[in-house]
Amino acid sequence: MKERITLGQYYQADSVLHRMDPRVKLTGTIIYIAALFMAGNVWGYLLATVFLVTVIVLSEVPVKFMLRGMKSIALLIAITVFFNLFMTPGEVLYSVWKLKITREGLYIAVTMAIRLVYLIMGSNIMTLTTTPNGLTDGLESLLSPLKVLHAPVHEVAMMMSIALRFIPILMDETDKIMKAQMARGACFDEGNLIERAKSLVPLLVPLFVSAFRRAGDLALAMEARCYRGGEHRTKMKPLHYELRDYVGYAVLVILITAAILIRVLC
């Protein structure tokens, strides 16, 4: 299970993206997602594809490793494509029983599938090339203007980074519990929808218990190390921009500008 999901994992390497400031990567992920959802034609998706491929090459993360994580959202993509394909009114291209495939539904289904795949892969690159500490420090720095409103910026950044990093841990725990239940005779892939939902109860209950236990252990460990967030907390590796980070910001400005121009002119 751990190998089937890459969101939240960190891939050790010495690429340009790994050495880049986490603030640039967080900002870049947001801008990339905005450019992706602004894409309304072939040129917009081509721009997103070129940017995504370039970033994957620069990250030095094996493509097979990234594609392996897409298996976890295959069902979500299939459901999204199905509903958009058969539930969108418009010019009918093909009809089977009461289901009708329309030209508009086909276009929306294809574009939605592309957006989901690109969105997950783009988000994966950020977590694969950023350490947990770097992710927390970057989030805290970007959210620092909210301190004026007395918002708990450090705590929010810490919670978001912990949530991301716990995804592969919980997936691994789910796999272990599922195998233990199957060894005791449980079956999760037989029966109708209601029966399958009931069969998940022996899986969800120990999973929630394990998640709360891990959360308690983490809180106890942080308290034992006298962890205190917020103001006056120093950092082992303070964030600072270098030339490659400014180049990264320049590329992001070009990306969002090109996306806006394509959206307006094409």
Protein backbone atom coordinates (compact mmCIF):
# COMPACT_ATOMS: atom_id res chain seq x y z
CA MET A 1 0.00 0.00 0.00
CA LYS A 2 2.82 2.36 0.83
CA GLU A 3 4.12 2.03 -2.75
CA ARG A 4 0.74 2.82 -4.26
CA ILE A 5 0.52 6.34 -2.92
CA THR A 6 3.18 9.04 -3.23
CA LEU A 7 1.29 12.05 -1.87
CA GLY A 8 2.95 13.06 1.39
CA GLN A 9 6.16 11.09 0.81
CA TYR A 10 9.62 12.63 0.44
CA TYR A 11 11.97 11.30 -2.26
CA GLN A 12 15.63 11.76 -1.39
CA ALA A 13 17.61 13.34 -4.25
CA ASP A 14 19.90 16.29 -5.02
CA SER A 15 18.00 17.95 -7.84
CA VAL A 16 17.44 21.64 -8.51
CA LEU A 17 13.91 21.37 -7.10
CA HIS A 18 15.12 19.67 -3.94
CA ARG A 19 17.54 22.54 -3.29
CA MET A 20 14.96 25.21 -4.10
CA ASP A 21 13.34 27.25 -1.34
CA PRO A 22 10.07 25.60 -0.16
CA ARG A 23 8.27 28.95 -0.47
CA VAL A 24 8.94 28.94 -4.20
CA LYS A 25 7.60 25.40 -4.54
CA LEU A 26 4.47 26.16 -2.52
CA THR A 27 3.81 29.32 -4.52
CA GLY A 28 4.55 27.45 -7.73
CA THR A 29 2.05 24.71 -6.86
CA ILE A 30 -0.68 27.29 -6.28
CA ILE A 31 0.11 29.15 -9.52
CA TYR A 32 0.29 25.88 -11.47
CA ILE A 33 -3.14 24.83 -10.16
CA ALA A 34 -4.56 28.25 -11.07
CA ALA A 35 -3.08 28.01 -14.58
CA LEU A 36 -4.43 24.48 -14.93
CA PHE A 37 -8.00 25.50 -14.08
CA MET A 38 -7.75 28.53 -16.36
CA ALA A 39 -6.99 26.25 -19.30
CA GLY A 40 -9.99 26.21 -21.59
CA ASN A 41 -8.48 24.98 -24.85
CA VAL A 42 -5.69 22.85 -26.28
CA TRP A 43 -3.09 25.62 -25.88
CA GLY A 44 -3.83 25.99 -22.18
CA TYR A 45 -3.43 22.27 -21.54
CA LEU A 46 -0.31 22.20 -23.70
CA LEU A 47 1.20 24.95 -21.52
CA ALA A 48 0.36 22.99 -18.36
CA THR A 49 1.80 19.81 -19.90
CA VAL A 50 5.09 21.48 -20.87
CA PHE A 51 5.46 22.98 -17.38
CA LEU A 52 4.62 19.69 -15.63
CA VAL A 53 7.02 17.63 -17.77
CA THR A 54 9.80 20.18 -17.24
CA VAL A 55 9.31 20.12 -13.47
CA ILE A 56 9.26 16.30 -13.39
CA VAL A 57 12.55 16.18 -15.30
CA LEU A 58 14.14 18.76 -12.98
CA SER A 59 12.95 16.90 -9.87
CA GLU A 60 14.88 13.73 -10.83
CA VAL A 61 12.05 11.64 -9.37
CA PRO A 62 11.43 8.47 -11.42
CA VAL A 63 8.27 8.75 -13.50
CA LYS A 64 7.30 5.17 -12.59
CA PHE A 65 7.40 6.11 -8.92
CA MET A 66 5.03 9.02 -9.53
CA LEU A 67 2.66 7.08 -11.79
CA ARG A 68 2.47 4.32 -9.18
CA GLY A 69 0.78 6.79 -6.86
CA MET A 70 -1.93 7.50 -9.44
CA LYS A 71 -3.46 4.06 -8.82
CA SER A 72 -4.96 5.35 -5.59
CA ILE A 73 -7.13 7.90 -7.45
CA ALA A 74 -8.03 5.71 -10.43
CA LEU A 75 -11.51 5.05 -9.00
CA LEU A 76 -12.11 8.77 -8.38
CA ILE A 77 -11.12 9.59 -11.95
CA ALA A 78 -13.32 6.80 -13.32
CA ILE A 79 -16.37 8.03 -11.35
CA THR A 80 -15.76 11.62 -12.45
CA VAL A 81 -15.43 10.61 -16.10
CA PHE A 82 -18.55 8.43 -15.94
CA PHE A 83 -20.84 11.10 -14.50
CA ASN A 84 -19.57 13.82 -16.84
CA LEU A 85 -19.72 11.52 -19.84
CA PHE A 86 -23.30 10.30 -19.39
CA MET A 87 -24.95 13.07 -17.36
CA THR A 88 -24.07 16.10 -19.46
CA PRO A 89 -26.81 17.23 -21.88
CA GLY A 90 -25.93 18.22 -25.43
CA GLU A 91 -25.40 16.80 -28.91
CA VAL A 92 -25.77 13.01 -28.71
CA LEU A 93 -22.88 11.05 -30.21
CA TYR A 94 -23.74 7.55 -29.00
CA SER A 95 -26.64 6.03 -27.08
CA VAL A 96 -26.77 2.82 -25.03
CA TRP A 97 -30.10 2.02 -23.37
CA LYS A 98 -30.90 5.17 -21.37
CA LEU A 99 -27.32 6.35 -21.28
CA LYS A 100 -26.26 8.95 -23.83
CA ILE A 101 -22.78 10.14 -24.65
CA THR A 102 -22.81 13.77 -25.76
CA ARG A 103 -20.14 15.86 -27.43
CA GLU A 104 -20.16 18.27 -24.50
CA GLY A 105 -20.01 15.42 -21.98
CA LEU A 106 -17.06 13.82 -23.78
CA TYR A 107 -15.16 17.12 -23.76
CA ILE A 108 -15.85 17.77 -20.06
CA ALA A 109 -14.96 14.18 -19.09
CA VAL A 110 -11.62 14.30 -20.90
CA THR A 111 -10.65 17.73 -19.57
CA MET A 112 -11.71 16.83 -16.03
CA ALA A 113 -9.63 13.64 -16.12
CA ILE A 114 -6.60 15.58 -17.37
CA ARG A 115 -7.04 18.19 -14.66
CA LEU A 116 -7.27 15.59 -11.89
CA VAL A 117 -4.18 13.72 -13.10
CA TYR A 118 -2.15 16.90 -13.56
CA LEU A 119 -3.36 18.25 -10.22
CA ILE A 120 -2.29 15.17 -8.28
CA MET A 121 1.06 14.89 -10.07
CA GLY A 122 1.82 18.58 -9.55
CA SER A 123 0.99 18.33 -5.85
CA ASN A 124 3.08 15.17 -5.55
CA ILE A 125 6.15 16.94 -6.89
CA MET A 126 5.93 19.51 -4.10
CA THR A 127 5.84 16.89 -1.33
CA LEU A 128 8.34 14.58 -3.04
CA THR A 129 10.96 17.35 -3.24
CA THR A 130 10.30 19.08 0.11
CA THR A 131 11.21 17.80 3.57
CA PRO A 132 8.61 17.97 6.37
CA ASN A 133 10.57 20.71 8.14
CA GLY A 134 10.96 22.67 4.92
CA LEU A 135 7.25 22.36 4.18
CA THR A 136 6.34 23.62 7.65
CA ASP A 137 8.79 26.53 7.50
CA GLY A 138 7.64 27.49 4.01
CA LEU A 139 3.97 27.46 4.97
CA GLU A 140 4.67 29.48 8.10
CA SER A 141 6.62 32.07 6.13
CA LEU A 142 3.94 32.43 3.46
CA LEU A 143 1.19 32.72 6.07
CA SER A 144 3.15 35.14 8.26
CA PRO A 145 1.06 38.21 7.17
CA LEU A 146 -1.86 36.60 9.02
CA LYS A 147 -0.01 37.15 12.30
CA VAL A 148 -1.32 40.70 12.18
CA LEU A 149 -4.76 39.19 12.78
CA HIS A 150 -3.33 37.13 15.67
CA ALA A 151 -3.79 33.92 13.70
CA PRO A 152 -1.84 30.85 14.97
CA VAL A 153 0.26 30.68 11.81
CA HIS A 154 2.91 28.28 13.09
CA GLU A 155 0.35 25.86 14.50
CA VAL A 156 -1.67 25.87 11.27
CA ALA A 157 1.46 25.23 9.18
CA MET A 158 2.50 22.42 11.50
CA MET A 159 -0.93 20.77 11.31
CA MET A 160 -1.01 20.96 7.51
CA SER A 161 2.46 19.44 7.13
CA ILE A 162 1.71 16.68 9.67
CA ALA A 163 -1.54 15.88 7.85
CA LEU A 164 0.32 15.52 4.54
CA ARG A 165 3.02 13.33 6.04
CA PHE A 166 0.50 11.08 7.79
CA ILE A 167 -1.21 10.12 4.51
CA PRO A 168 1.30 7.37 3.52
CA ILE A 169 1.51 6.20 7.16
CA LEU A 170 -2.26 5.76 7.40
CA MET A 171 -2.37 4.05 4.01
CA ASP A 172 0.28 1.60 5.19
CA GLU A 173 -1.70 1.03 8.39
CA THR A 174 -4.85 0.42 6.33
CA ASP A 175 -3.03 -2.21 4.28
CA LYS A 176 -1.84 -4.00 7.43
CA ILE A 177 -5.30 -3.99 9.01
CA MET A 178 -6.93 -5.18 5.79
CA LYS A 179 -4.51 -8.10 5.48
CA ALA A 180 -5.06 -9.03 9.14
CA GLN A 181 -8.85 -8.98 8.67
CA MET A 182 -8.61 -11.04 5.46
CA ALA A 183 -6.49 -13.60 7.32
CA ARG A 184 -9.40 -13.90 9.76
CA GLY A 185 -11.84 -14.56 6.92
CA ALA A 186 -13.07 -11.05 6.14
CA CYS A 187 -13.94 -10.24 2.52
CA PHE A 188 -14.06 -6.69 1.18
CA ASP A 189 -14.83 -7.21 -2.52
CA GLU A 190 -17.94 -9.41 -2.53
CA GLY A 191 -21.65 -8.65 -2.24
CA ASN A 192 -23.68 -5.61 -3.17
CA LEU A 193 -22.89 -2.01 -2.29
CA ILE A 194 -24.52 -2.13 1.15
CA GLU A 195 -22.77 -5.38 2.07
CA ARG A 196 -19.41 -3.97 1.00
CA ALA A 197 -20.03 -0.85 3.08
CA LYS A 198 -20.81 -3.01 6.14
CA SER A 199 -17.66 -5.06 5.55
CA LEU A 200 -15.58 -1.87 5.92
CA VAL A 201 -16.64 -1.41 9.56
CA PRO A 202 -14.05 -3.94 10.89
CA LEU A 203 -11.49 -1.98 8.87
CA LEU A 204 -12.46 1.59 9.81
CA VAL A 205 -12.79 1.07 13.57
CA PRO A 206 -9.21 -0.18 14.19
CA LEU A 207 -7.93 2.39 11.66
CA PHE A 208 -9.48 5.27 13.62
CA VAL A 209 -8.19 3.79 16.89
CA SER A 210 -4.70 3.55 15.40
CA ALA A 211 -4.88 7.11 14.05
CA PHE A 212 -5.87 8.53 17.45
CA ARG A 213 -3.15 6.47 19.14
CA ARG A 214 -0.53 7.80 16.72
CA ALA A 215 -1.77 11.34 17.28
CA GLY A 216 -1.48 10.86 21.03
CA ASP A 217 2.03 9.41 20.70
CA LEU A 218 3.07 12.33 18.51
CA ALA A 219 1.69 14.88 20.97
CA LEU A 220 3.44 13.12 23.85
CA ALA A 221 6.74 13.03 21.96
CA MET A 222 6.52 16.74 21.12
CA GLU A 223 5.72 17.57 24.73
CA ALA A 224 8.58 15.39 26.03
CA ARG A 225 10.96 17.36 23.81
CA CYS A 226 9.59 20.62 25.21
CA TYR A 227 8.23 21.64 21.85
CA ARG A 228 6.72 25.12 21.82
CA GLY A 229 5.50 26.75 18.63
CA GLY A 230 4.81 30.33 17.76
CA GLU A 231 6.95 33.37 18.46
CA HIS A 232 10.64 33.32 19.46
CA ARG A 233 11.17 29.86 18.01
CA THR A 234 14.48 29.55 16.15
CA LYS A 235 15.15 27.37 13.10
CA MET A 236 18.05 25.07 12.45
CA LYS A 237 18.02 25.96 8.75
CA PRO A 238 16.63 29.48 8.22
CA LEU A 239 15.05 30.07 4.83
CA HIS A 240 16.81 32.41 2.43
CA TYR A 241 16.45 33.00 -1.28
CA GLU A 242 19.18 32.23 -3.79
CA LEU A 243 19.54 32.90 -7.50
CA ARG A 244 17.69 29.74 -8.52
CA ASP A 245 14.73 30.81 -6.38
CA TYR A 246 14.44 34.16 -8.13
CA VAL A 247 14.66 32.35 -11.46
CA GLY A 248 11.86 30.08 -10.27
CA TYR A 249 9.67 33.08 -9.41
CA ALA A 250 10.37 34.55 -12.85
CA VAL A 251 9.29 31.28 -14.51
CA LEU A 252 6.09 31.29 -12.44
CA VAL A 253 5.30 34.85 -13.52
CA ILE A 254 5.78 33.80 -17.14
CA LEU A 255 3.54 30.76 -16.57
CA ILE A 256 0.60 32.65 -15.07
CA THR A 257 0.95 35.46 -17.63
CA ALA A 258 0.91 32.99 -20.51
CA ALA A 259 -2.10 31.19 -19.00
CA ILE A 260 -4.03 34.46 -18.72
CA LEU A 261 -3.14 35.50 -22.28
CA ILE A 262 -4.18 32.11 -23.66
CA ARG A 263 -7.45 32.31 -21.72
CA VAL A 264 -8.23 35.80 -23.05
CA LEU A 265 -6.95 35.61 -26.62
CA CYS A 266 -7.55 31.98 -27.65
